[in-house]
Amino acid sequence: MDTENIVVEFKTKTSLSKKLIPLILMLFVIAADQITKQLIVKFIPLTFPPSIGSSFFGDFLRIIHVCNPGIAFSIGQGWSLTARAFLFRIVPLVVIILVLIVYFRNDEFSSLQRWAIAGIAGGGLGNLIDRFFRKEGVIDFIDVKFYGIFGMDRWPTFNVADAAVVLCGILLLTSFAFTVKKSNSNKEA
């Protein structure tokens, strides 16, 4: 084997490890999401209105148990089972698969962007597990006071998967914005 082949093989292995290591975050988000949901189901009864399991910082943060058969902000919870199954199970699954295909085919993502994409995929898969395997829908339990902003006393209840999608999404968009800004600065120079 000549040195050129060794260099190509090393670059291929390095490139693959750069793509695989961030998937640890995806697995961590899925595990944390599912474990916390199991704890909520086990220890906090599902009641209407929701019973408060715990409160922190006065009533700023509450842990409650609610089920969401819709998507974010309970959108679609009154839709037919067929429409919900297609729009909330199949479409997100296809999107996550497409995101992971782009993730593995693209060699231009920065390390930060790869970690952010892995966090988003983990959050998406965490909620998809609920949609496929929990007849009541996605388990939400984090309830935060919103002080009347946008007319809401409390932010819509969410879970670990939702938090990962939002935080990693903001991180990814910010990273892309800085990449575009840096690219434009380099073109002007």
C-alpha atoms as a PDB file:
ATOM      1  CA  MET A   1       0.000   0.000   0.000  1.00  0.00           C
ATOM      2  CA  ASP A   2       1.486   3.353  -0.992  1.00  0.00           C
ATOM      3  CA  THR A   3       1.438   6.512   1.103  1.00  0.00           C
ATOM      4  CA  GLU A   4      -1.187   8.188  -1.094  1.00  0.00           C
ATOM      5  CA  ASN A   5      -3.694   5.401  -0.340  1.00  0.00           C
ATOM      6  CA  ILE A   6      -2.862   5.594   3.371  1.00  0.00           C
ATOM      7  CA  VAL A   7      -3.524   9.366   3.372  1.00  0.00           C
ATOM      8  CA  VAL A   8      -6.873   8.904   1.551  1.00  0.00           C
ATOM      9  CA  GLU A   9      -7.895   6.128   3.967  1.00  0.00           C
ATOM     10  CA  PHE A  10      -6.933   8.275   6.983  1.00  0.00           C
ATOM     11  CA  LYS A  11      -8.923  11.265   5.653  1.00  0.00           C
ATOM     12  CA  THR A  12     -11.945   9.025   5.044  1.00  0.00           C
ATOM     13  CA  LYS A  13     -11.819   7.612   8.589  1.00  0.00           C
ATOM     14  CA  THR A  14     -11.314  11.093  10.076  1.00  0.00           C
ATOM     15  CA  SER A  15     -14.230  12.471   8.059  1.00  0.00           C
ATOM     16  CA  LEU A  16     -16.488   9.608   9.146  1.00  0.00           C
ATOM     17  CA  SER A  17     -15.571  10.012  12.827  1.00  0.00           C
ATOM     18  CA  LYS A  18     -16.328  13.766  12.605  1.00  0.00           C
ATOM     19  CA  LYS A  19     -19.792  12.784  11.399  1.00  0.00           C
ATOM     20  CA  LEU A  20     -20.389   9.947  13.861  1.00  0.00           C
ATOM     21  CA  ILE A  21     -19.193  11.502  17.140  1.00  0.00           C
ATOM     22  CA  PRO A  22     -21.891  14.252  17.242  1.00  0.00           C
ATOM     23  CA  LEU A  23     -24.531  11.519  17.005  1.00  0.00           C
ATOM     24  CA  ILE A  24     -23.719  10.857  20.668  1.00  0.00           C
ATOM     25  CA  LEU A  25     -25.737  14.007  21.380  1.00  0.00           C
ATOM     26  CA  MET A  26     -28.641  12.634  19.352  1.00  0.00           C
ATOM     27  CA  LEU A  27     -28.646   9.437  21.408  1.00  0.00           C
ATOM     28  CA  PHE A  28     -28.295  11.411  24.662  1.00  0.00           C
ATOM     29  CA  VAL A  29     -31.269  13.654  23.812  1.00  0.00           C
ATOM     30  CA  ILE A  30     -33.435  10.634  22.932  1.00  0.00           C
ATOM     31  CA  ALA A  31     -32.465   8.853  26.166  1.00  0.00           C
ATOM     32  CA  ALA A  32     -32.928  11.932  28.388  1.00  0.00           C
ATOM     33  CA  ASP A  33     -36.269  12.690  26.747  1.00  0.00           C
ATOM     34  CA  GLN A  34     -37.646   9.181  27.120  1.00  0.00           C
ATOM     35  CA  ILE A  35     -36.351   8.708  30.681  1.00  0.00           C
ATOM     36  CA  THR A  36     -37.849  11.991  31.881  1.00  0.00           C
ATOM     37  CA  LYS A  37     -41.170  11.173  30.209  1.00  0.00           C
ATOM     38  CA  GLN A  38     -41.233   7.759  31.892  1.00  0.00           C
ATOM     39  CA  LEU A  39     -40.610   9.418  35.263  1.00  0.00           C
ATOM     40  CA  ILE A  40     -43.426  11.898  34.663  1.00  0.00           C
ATOM     41  CA  VAL A  41     -45.846   9.134  33.661  1.00  0.00           C
ATOM     42  CA  LYS A  42     -44.858   7.095  36.718  1.00  0.00           C
ATOM     43  CA  PHE A  43     -44.905   9.810  39.389  1.00  0.00           C
ATOM     44  CA  ILE A  44     -47.306  12.567  38.284  1.00  0.00           C
ATOM     45  CA  PRO A  45     -50.920  11.651  37.566  1.00  0.00           C
ATOM     46  CA  LEU A  46     -52.533  12.790  34.332  1.00  0.00           C
ATOM     47  CA  THR A  47     -55.395  15.034  35.440  1.00  0.00           C
ATOM     48  CA  PHE A  48     -57.363  17.947  34.049  1.00  0.00           C
ATOM     49  CA  PRO A  49     -56.467  20.593  34.935  1.00  0.00           C
ATOM     50  CA  PRO A  50     -52.912  19.251  35.240  1.00  0.00           C
ATOM     51  CA  SER A  51     -51.707  18.543  38.745  1.00  0.00           C
ATOM     52  CA  ILE A  52     -48.437  20.194  39.686  1.00  0.00           C
ATOM     53  CA  GLY A  53     -45.711  17.695  40.551  1.00  0.00           C
ATOM     54  CA  SER A  54     -43.214  20.330  41.698  1.00  0.00           C
ATOM     55  CA  SER A  55     -42.680  24.096  41.536  1.00  0.00           C
ATOM     56  CA  PHE A  56     -39.364  25.908  41.424  1.00  0.00           C
ATOM     57  CA  PHE A  57     -38.516  29.598  41.856  1.00  0.00           C
ATOM     58  CA  GLY A  58     -42.013  30.375  43.125  1.00  0.00           C
ATOM     59  CA  ASP A  59     -44.271  29.426  40.246  1.00  0.00           C
ATOM     60  CA  PHE A  60     -41.777  30.302  37.490  1.00  0.00           C
ATOM     61  CA  LEU A  61     -41.059  26.640  36.664  1.00  0.00           C
ATOM     62  CA  ARG A  62     -43.555  23.866  37.276  1.00  0.00           C
ATOM     63  CA  ILE A  63     -43.356  20.173  36.479  1.00  0.00           C
ATOM     64  CA  ILE A  64     -46.760  18.889  35.359  1.00  0.00           C
ATOM     65  CA  HIS A  65     -48.100  15.990  33.271  1.00  0.00           C
ATOM     66  CA  VAL A  66     -49.966  16.726  30.047  1.00  0.00           C
ATOM     67  CA  CYS A  67     -50.393  14.809  26.807  1.00  0.00           C
ATOM     68  CA  ASN A  68     -50.330  16.511  23.445  1.00  0.00           C
ATOM     69  CA  PRO A  69     -51.926  14.594  20.557  1.00  0.00           C
ATOM     70  CA  GLY A  70     -51.048  17.497  18.235  1.00  0.00           C
ATOM     71  CA  ILE A  71     -47.731  19.163  17.491  1.00  0.00           C
ATOM     72  CA  ALA A  72     -46.132  22.328  18.878  1.00  0.00           C
ATOM     73  CA  PHE A  73     -48.591  24.515  20.786  1.00  0.00           C
ATOM     74  CA  SER A  74     -51.202  21.697  20.482  1.00  0.00           C
ATOM     75  CA  ILE A  75     -51.771  22.486  16.802  1.00  0.00           C
ATOM     76  CA  GLY A  76     -53.910  19.808  15.169  1.00  0.00           C
ATOM     77  CA  GLN A  77     -55.136  18.031  18.283  1.00  0.00           C
ATOM     78  CA  GLY A  78     -58.718  18.151  16.956  1.00  0.00           C
ATOM     79  CA  TRP A  79     -57.835  16.742  13.531  1.00  0.00           C
ATOM     80  CA  SER A  80     -58.783  13.234  12.405  1.00  0.00           C
ATOM     81  CA  LEU A  81     -56.558  10.307  13.408  1.00  0.00           C
ATOM     82  CA  THR A  82     -55.593   9.712   9.768  1.00  0.00           C
ATOM     83  CA  ALA A  83     -54.545  13.330   9.202  1.00  0.00           C
ATOM     84  CA  ARG A  84     -52.598  13.417  12.477  1.00  0.00           C
ATOM     85  CA  ALA A  85     -50.903  10.079  11.735  1.00  0.00           C
ATOM     86  CA  PHE A  86     -49.725  11.289   8.342  1.00  0.00           C
ATOM     87  CA  LEU A  87     -48.774  14.849   9.273  1.00  0.00           C
ATOM     88  CA  PHE A  88     -47.315  14.183  12.726  1.00  0.00           C
ATOM     89  CA  ARG A  89     -45.680  10.779  12.196  1.00  0.00           C
ATOM     90  CA  ILE A  90     -44.860  10.120   8.547  1.00  0.00           C
ATOM     91  CA  VAL A  91     -43.890  13.632   7.417  1.00  0.00           C
ATOM     92  CA  PRO A  92     -41.537  14.298  10.393  1.00  0.00           C
ATOM     93  CA  LEU A  93     -39.972  10.842   9.986  1.00  0.00           C
ATOM     94  CA  VAL A  94     -39.266  11.538   6.301  1.00  0.00           C
ATOM     95  CA  VAL A  95     -37.858  14.985   7.157  1.00  0.00           C
ATOM     96  CA  ILE A  96     -35.531  13.536   9.822  1.00  0.00           C
ATOM     97  CA  ILE A  97     -34.331  10.859   7.396  1.00  0.00           C
ATOM     98  CA  LEU A  98     -33.645  13.525   4.741  1.00  0.00           C
ATOM     99  CA  VAL A  99     -31.794  15.694   7.296  1.00  0.00           C
ATOM    100  CA  LEU A 100     -29.602  12.738   8.288  1.00  0.00           C
ATOM    101  CA  ILE A 101     -28.887  11.936   4.616  1.00  0.00           C
ATOM    102  CA  VAL A 102     -27.753  15.534   4.041  1.00  0.00           C
ATOM    103  CA  TYR A 103     -25.798  15.384   7.316  1.00  0.00           C
ATOM    104  CA  PHE A 104     -23.762  12.388   6.127  1.00  0.00           C
ATOM    105  CA  ARG A 105     -23.321  13.507   2.507  1.00  0.00           C
ATOM    106  CA  ASN A 106     -22.245  17.067   3.292  1.00  0.00           C
ATOM    107  CA  ASP A 107     -18.598  17.622   4.151  1.00  0.00           C
ATOM    108  CA  GLU A 108     -18.974  21.395   4.584  1.00  0.00           C
ATOM    109  CA  PHE A 109     -20.809  21.510   7.932  1.00  0.00           C
ATOM    110  CA  SER A 110     -18.696  22.808  10.788  1.00  0.00           C
ATOM    111  CA  SER A 111     -18.324  20.767  13.946  1.00  0.00           C
ATOM    112  CA  LEU A 112     -20.772  23.082  15.748  1.00  0.00           C
ATOM    113  CA  GLN A 113     -23.316  22.677  12.955  1.00  0.00           C
ATOM    114  CA  ARG A 114     -23.001  18.877  13.122  1.00  0.00           C
ATOM    115  CA  TRP A 115     -23.620  18.886  16.890  1.00  0.00           C
ATOM    116  CA  ALA A 116     -26.627  21.195  16.451  1.00  0.00           C
ATOM    117  CA  ILE A 117     -28.109  19.003  13.706  1.00  0.00           C
ATOM    118  CA  ALA A 118     -27.605  15.931  15.907  1.00  0.00           C
ATOM    119  CA  GLY A 119     -29.453  17.672  18.774  1.00  0.00           C
ATOM    120  CA  ILE A 120     -32.346  18.606  16.479  1.00  0.00           C
ATOM    121  CA  ALA A 121     -32.563  15.055  15.120  1.00  0.00           C
ATOM    122  CA  GLY A 122     -32.489  13.639  18.661  1.00  0.00           C
ATOM    123  CA  GLY A 123     -35.335  15.899  19.735  1.00  0.00           C
ATOM    124  CA  GLY A 124     -37.353  15.059  16.658  1.00  0.00           C
ATOM    125  CA  LEU A 125     -36.853  11.332  17.185  1.00  0.00           C
ATOM    126  CA  GLY A 126     -37.683  11.641  20.904  1.00  0.00           C
ATOM    127  CA  ASN A 127     -41.101  13.092  20.110  1.00  0.00           C
ATOM    128  CA  LEU A 128     -41.639  10.654  17.226  1.00  0.00           C
ATOM    129  CA  ILE A 129     -41.200   7.765  19.642  1.00  0.00           C
ATOM    130  CA  ASP A 130     -44.142   9.165  21.616  1.00  0.00           C
ATOM    131  CA  ARG A 131     -46.224   9.684  18.480  1.00  0.00           C
ATOM    132  CA  PHE A 132     -45.678   6.108  17.348  1.00  0.00           C
ATOM    133  CA  PHE A 133     -45.845   4.320  20.709  1.00  0.00           C
ATOM    134  CA  ARG A 134     -48.020   6.411  23.065  1.00  0.00           C
ATOM    135  CA  LYS A 135     -51.714   6.433  22.147  1.00  0.00           C
ATOM    136  CA  GLU A 136     -52.248   9.603  24.214  1.00  0.00           C
ATOM    137  CA  GLY A 137     -49.617  11.531  22.224  1.00  0.00           C
ATOM    138  CA  VAL A 138     -46.458  13.338  23.226  1.00  0.00           C
ATOM    139  CA  ILE A 139     -45.799  13.725  26.951  1.00  0.00           C
ATOM    140  CA  ASP A 140     -45.068  17.340  27.915  1.00  0.00           C
ATOM    141  CA  PHE A 141     -44.146  18.385  31.436  1.00  0.00           C
ATOM    142  CA  ILE A 142     -42.064  21.581  31.632  1.00  0.00           C
ATOM    143  CA  ASP A 143     -44.333  24.555  32.383  1.00  0.00           C
ATOM    144  CA  VAL A 144     -42.746  28.026  32.521  1.00  0.00           C
ATOM    145  CA  LYS A 145     -44.262  31.371  33.519  1.00  0.00           C
ATOM    146  CA  PHE A 146     -44.276  33.832  30.601  1.00  0.00           C
ATOM    147  CA  TYR A 147     -45.423  36.976  32.436  1.00  0.00           C
ATOM    148  CA  GLY A 148     -48.140  37.982  29.968  1.00  0.00           C
ATOM    149  CA  ILE A 149     -45.787  38.310  26.998  1.00  0.00           C
ATOM    150  CA  PHE A 150     -47.802  37.793  23.775  1.00  0.00           C
ATOM    151  CA  GLY A 151     -50.866  37.571  26.023  1.00  0.00           C
ATOM    152  CA  MET A 152     -49.693  34.283  27.581  1.00  0.00           C
ATOM    153  CA  ASP A 153     -49.399  33.845  31.328  1.00  0.00           C
ATOM    154  CA  ARG A 154     -47.482  30.568  30.803  1.00  0.00           C
ATOM    155  CA  TRP A 155     -45.463  29.295  27.846  1.00  0.00           C
ATOM    156  CA  PRO A 156     -46.989  26.184  26.218  1.00  0.00           C
ATOM    157  CA  THR A 157     -45.849  23.092  28.116  1.00  0.00           C
ATOM    158  CA  PHE A 158     -42.872  21.305  26.541  1.00  0.00           C
ATOM    159  CA  ASN A 159     -40.380  18.480  27.120  1.00  0.00           C
ATOM    160  CA  VAL A 160     -36.656  17.693  26.773  1.00  0.00           C
ATOM    161  CA  ALA A 161     -37.008  16.867  23.063  1.00  0.00           C
ATOM    162  CA  ASP A 162     -38.733  20.200  22.362  1.00  0.00           C
ATOM    163  CA  ALA A 163     -36.040  22.078  24.280  1.00  0.00           C
ATOM    164  CA  ALA A 164     -33.286  20.324  22.306  1.00  0.00           C
ATOM    165  CA  VAL A 165     -34.937  21.140  18.965  1.00  0.00           C
ATOM    166  CA  VAL A 166     -35.380  24.817  19.856  1.00  0.00           C
ATOM    167  CA  LEU A 167     -31.953  25.370  21.449  1.00  0.00           C
ATOM    168  CA  CYS A 168     -30.042  23.446  18.770  1.00  0.00           C
ATOM    169  CA  GLY A 169     -32.144  25.103  16.055  1.00  0.00           C
ATOM    170  CA  ILE A 170     -31.197  28.562  17.341  1.00  0.00           C
ATOM    171  CA  LEU A 171     -27.562  27.472  17.560  1.00  0.00           C
ATOM    172  CA  LEU A 172     -27.647  26.098  14.000  1.00  0.00           C
ATOM    173  CA  LEU A 173     -29.287  29.217  12.520  1.00  0.00           C
ATOM    174  CA  THR A 174     -26.850  31.468  14.367  1.00  0.00           C
ATOM    175  CA  SER A 175     -23.946  29.383  13.094  1.00  0.00           C
ATOM    176  CA  PHE A 176     -25.235  29.591   9.515  1.00  0.00           C
ATOM    177  CA  ALA A 177     -25.671  33.377   9.855  1.00  0.00           C
ATOM    178  CA  PHE A 178     -22.067  33.797  11.028  1.00  0.00           C
ATOM    179  CA  THR A 179     -20.843  31.495   8.242  1.00  0.00           C
ATOM    180  CA  VAL A 180     -22.654  33.601   5.604  1.00  0.00           C
ATOM    181  CA  LYS A 181     -21.375  36.834   7.168  1.00  0.00           C
ATOM    182  CA  LYS A 182     -17.805  35.487   7.226  1.00  0.00           C
ATOM    183  CA  SER A 183     -18.126  34.288   3.613  1.00  0.00           C
ATOM    184  CA  ASN A 184     -19.370  37.714   2.488  1.00  0.00           C
ATOM    185  CA  SER A 185     -16.511  39.438   4.358  1.00  0.00           C
ATOM    186  CA  ASN A 186     -13.964  37.185   2.645  1.00  0.00           C
ATOM    187  CA  LYS A 187     -15.445  37.966  -0.805  1.00  0.00           C
ATOM    188  CA  GLU A 188     -15.214  41.714  -0.179  1.00  0.00           C
ATOM    189  CA  ALA A 189     -11.562  41.531   0.900  1.00  0.00           C
END
